[in-house]
C-alpha atoms as a PDB file:
ATOM      1  CA  MET A   1     -19.042 -19.989  27.582  1.00  0.00           C
ATOM      2  CA  PHE A   2     -19.391 -17.960  24.331  1.00  0.00           C
ATOM      3  CA  LYS A   3     -19.787 -21.483  22.840  1.00  0.00           C
ATOM      4  CA  THR A   4     -23.117 -22.005  24.567  1.00  0.00           C
ATOM      5  CA  LYS A   5     -26.320 -20.342  22.841  1.00  0.00           C
ATOM      6  CA  ASN A   6     -28.347 -18.242  25.097  1.00  0.00           C
ATOM      7  CA  HIS A   7     -25.602 -17.688  27.119  1.00  0.00           C
ATOM      8  CA  SER A   8     -26.487 -14.323  28.426  1.00  0.00           C
ATOM      9  CA  LEU A   9     -29.808 -15.194  29.329  1.00  0.00           C
ATOM     10  CA  ILE A  10     -28.307 -18.399  31.287  1.00  0.00           C
ATOM     11  CA  ASN A  11     -26.171 -16.419  33.288  1.00  0.00           C
ATOM     12  CA  GLN A  12     -29.075 -14.464  34.328  1.00  0.00           C
ATOM     13  CA  ILE A  13     -31.016 -17.354  35.344  1.00  0.00           C
ATOM     14  CA  ILE A  14     -27.519 -18.311  37.481  1.00  0.00           C
ATOM     15  CA  ASP A  15     -27.341 -15.197  38.866  1.00  0.00           C
ATOM     16  CA  CYS A  16     -30.925 -14.993  40.194  1.00  0.00           C
ATOM     17  CA  CYS A  17     -30.508 -18.262  41.442  1.00  0.00           C
ATOM     18  CA  ARG A  18     -27.511 -17.876  43.371  1.00  0.00           C
ATOM     19  CA  THR A  19     -28.631 -13.915  44.590  1.00  0.00           C
ATOM     20  CA  LYS A  20     -32.372 -16.013  45.933  1.00  0.00           C
ATOM     21  CA  ASN A  21     -30.192 -19.194  47.129  1.00  0.00           C
ATOM     22  CA  ILE A  22     -32.453 -21.324  44.698  1.00  0.00           C
ATOM     23  CA  ASP A  23     -31.223 -25.161  43.646  1.00  0.00           C
ATOM     24  CA  LEU A  24     -31.978 -25.702  40.029  1.00  0.00           C
ATOM     25  CA  GLU A  25     -31.178 -28.299  38.251  1.00  0.00           C
ATOM     26  CA  LEU A  26     -31.877 -28.465  34.309  1.00  0.00           C
ATOM     27  CA  ILE A  27     -32.805 -31.609  32.381  1.00  0.00           C
ATOM     28  CA  LYS A  28     -32.622 -32.021  28.940  1.00  0.00           C
ATOM     29  CA  VAL A  29     -35.587 -33.525  27.606  1.00  0.00           C
ATOM     30  CA  LYS A  30     -35.992 -35.205  24.330  1.00  0.00           C
ATOM     31  CA  SER A  31     -38.462 -33.806  22.060  1.00  0.00           C
ATOM     32  CA  HIS A  32     -41.585 -35.333  20.984  1.00  0.00           C
ATOM     33  CA  SER A  33     -41.068 -37.634  24.140  1.00  0.00           C
ATOM     34  CA  MET A  34     -44.532 -37.227  25.256  1.00  0.00           C
ATOM     35  CA  ASN A  35     -43.133 -35.871  28.506  1.00  0.00           C
ATOM     36  CA  HIS A  36     -46.489 -33.904  30.262  1.00  0.00           C
ATOM     37  CA  TRP A  37     -44.222 -30.946  31.471  1.00  0.00           C
ATOM     38  CA  ASN A  38     -42.274 -30.635  28.002  1.00  0.00           C
ATOM     39  CA  ASP A  39     -45.303 -30.654  25.939  1.00  0.00           C
ATOM     40  CA  LYS A  40     -46.394 -27.822  28.259  1.00  0.00           C
ATOM     41  CA  ALA A  41     -43.604 -25.661  27.908  1.00  0.00           C
ATOM     42  CA  ASP A  42     -43.699 -26.201  24.073  1.00  0.00           C
ATOM     43  CA  LYS A  43     -47.247 -24.745  24.308  1.00  0.00           C
ATOM     44  CA  LEU A  44     -46.448 -22.156  26.018  1.00  0.00           C
ATOM     45  CA  VAL A  45     -43.456 -20.922  23.929  1.00  0.00           C
ATOM     46  CA  LYS A  46     -45.783 -21.253  20.609  1.00  0.00           C
ATOM     47  CA  GLU A  47     -48.118 -19.080  22.811  1.00  0.00           C
ATOM     48  CA  GLY A  48     -45.395 -16.336  23.407  1.00  0.00           C
ATOM     49  CA  LEU A  49     -44.321 -16.256  20.044  1.00  0.00           C
ATOM     50  CA  ILE A  50     -47.693 -14.855  18.747  1.00  0.00           C
ATOM     51  CA  SER A  51     -48.268 -13.062  21.700  1.00  0.00           C
ATOM     52  CA  ASP A  52     -47.837  -8.773  21.744  1.00  0.00           C
ATOM     53  CA  LEU A  53     -46.430  -8.622  25.439  1.00  0.00           C
ATOM     54  CA  LEU A  54     -42.709  -8.157  25.701  1.00  0.00           C
ATOM     55  CA  LEU A  55     -40.493  -9.322  28.364  1.00  0.00           C
ATOM     56  CA  GLU A  56     -37.590  -6.988  28.674  1.00  0.00           C
ATOM     57  CA  VAL A  57     -34.654  -8.276  30.610  1.00  0.00           C
ATOM     58  CA  GLN A  58     -31.797  -5.914  31.994  1.00  0.00           C
ATOM     59  CA  ASP A  59     -28.257  -7.102  30.511  1.00  0.00           C
ATOM     60  CA  ILE A  60     -26.061  -8.425  33.390  1.00  0.00           C
ATOM     61  CA  THR A  61     -22.424  -8.868  33.268  1.00  0.00           C
ATOM     62  CA  THR A  62     -21.393 -11.590  35.849  1.00  0.00           C
ATOM     63  CA  SER A  63     -18.143 -11.460  37.497  1.00  0.00           C
ATOM     64  CA  SER A  64     -16.698 -14.075  35.397  1.00  0.00           C
ATOM     65  CA  ILE A  65     -17.126 -12.259  32.421  1.00  0.00           C
ATOM     66  CA  ARG A  66     -15.852  -9.091  31.461  1.00  0.00           C
ATOM     67  CA  VAL A  67     -16.769  -8.525  27.929  1.00  0.00           C
ATOM     68  CA  VAL A  68     -20.530  -8.938  26.237  1.00  0.00           C
ATOM     69  CA  PRO A  69     -20.112  -9.095  22.790  1.00  0.00           C
ATOM     70  CA  ILE A  70     -22.499  -6.885  20.378  1.00  0.00           C
ATOM     71  CA  TRP A  71     -22.990  -6.251  17.021  1.00  0.00           C
ATOM     72  CA  ARG A  72     -24.782  -3.376  15.669  1.00  0.00           C
ATOM     73  CA  ASN A  73     -26.318  -2.741  18.923  1.00  0.00           C
ATOM     74  CA  LYS A  74     -27.461  -6.216  19.449  1.00  0.00           C
ATOM     75  CA  LEU A  75     -26.126  -8.899  21.971  1.00  0.00           C
ATOM     76  CA  ILE A  76     -24.352 -11.815  20.401  1.00  0.00           C
ATOM     77  CA  ASP A  77     -26.313 -14.671  21.861  1.00  0.00           C
ATOM     78  CA  SER A  78     -24.934 -17.535  19.948  1.00  0.00           C
ATOM     79  CA  PRO A  79     -21.346 -19.075  19.920  1.00  0.00           C
ATOM     80  CA  LEU A  80     -19.084 -16.456  18.713  1.00  0.00           C
ATOM     81  CA  ARG A  81     -17.206 -18.562  16.249  1.00  0.00           C
ATOM     82  CA  THR A  82     -20.551 -19.601  14.453  1.00  0.00           C
ATOM     83  CA  PHE A  83     -21.718 -15.861  14.351  1.00  0.00           C
ATOM     84  CA  VAL A  84     -18.565 -14.369  12.814  1.00  0.00           C
ATOM     85  CA  ASN A  85     -18.758 -17.212  10.282  1.00  0.00           C
ATOM     86  CA  ILE A  86     -22.336 -16.966   9.314  1.00  0.00           C
ATOM     87  CA  THR A  87     -21.684 -13.246   9.191  1.00  0.00           C
ATOM     88  CA  THR A  88     -18.857 -13.302   7.365  1.00  0.00           C
ATOM     89  CA  MET A  89     -20.533 -15.748   4.701  1.00  0.00           C
ATOM     90  CA  ILE A  90     -23.736 -13.604   4.368  1.00  0.00           C
ATOM     91  CA  SER A  91     -21.337 -10.261   3.680  1.00  0.00           C
ATOM     92  CA  TYR A  92     -19.410 -12.147   0.651  1.00  0.00           C
ATOM     93  CA  GLU A  93     -22.746 -13.740  -0.624  1.00  0.00           C
ATOM     94  CA  TYR A  94     -24.124  -9.887  -0.841  1.00  0.00           C
ATOM     95  CA  GLU A  95     -20.679  -8.427  -2.963  1.00  0.00           C
END
């Protein structure tokens, strides 16, 4: 599970779907595919990046995961091995 990017967000979506009995199907769409809905999602993401609105999401620990990795009071939401490798590499560069 920790090899997946944004695993905490994905877990929250899955938990929400289970709670509300929603069937959700995620489909990978190739970028720049001229897909109307993908283009609309890209536009909304770009608008969100420059927005001053903030969405706060509570951390939810699912029953299958007992540990949520945190570093410097921030949730690690990338693959742990990658995070450790990058953090180690950066710390050696500054020494």
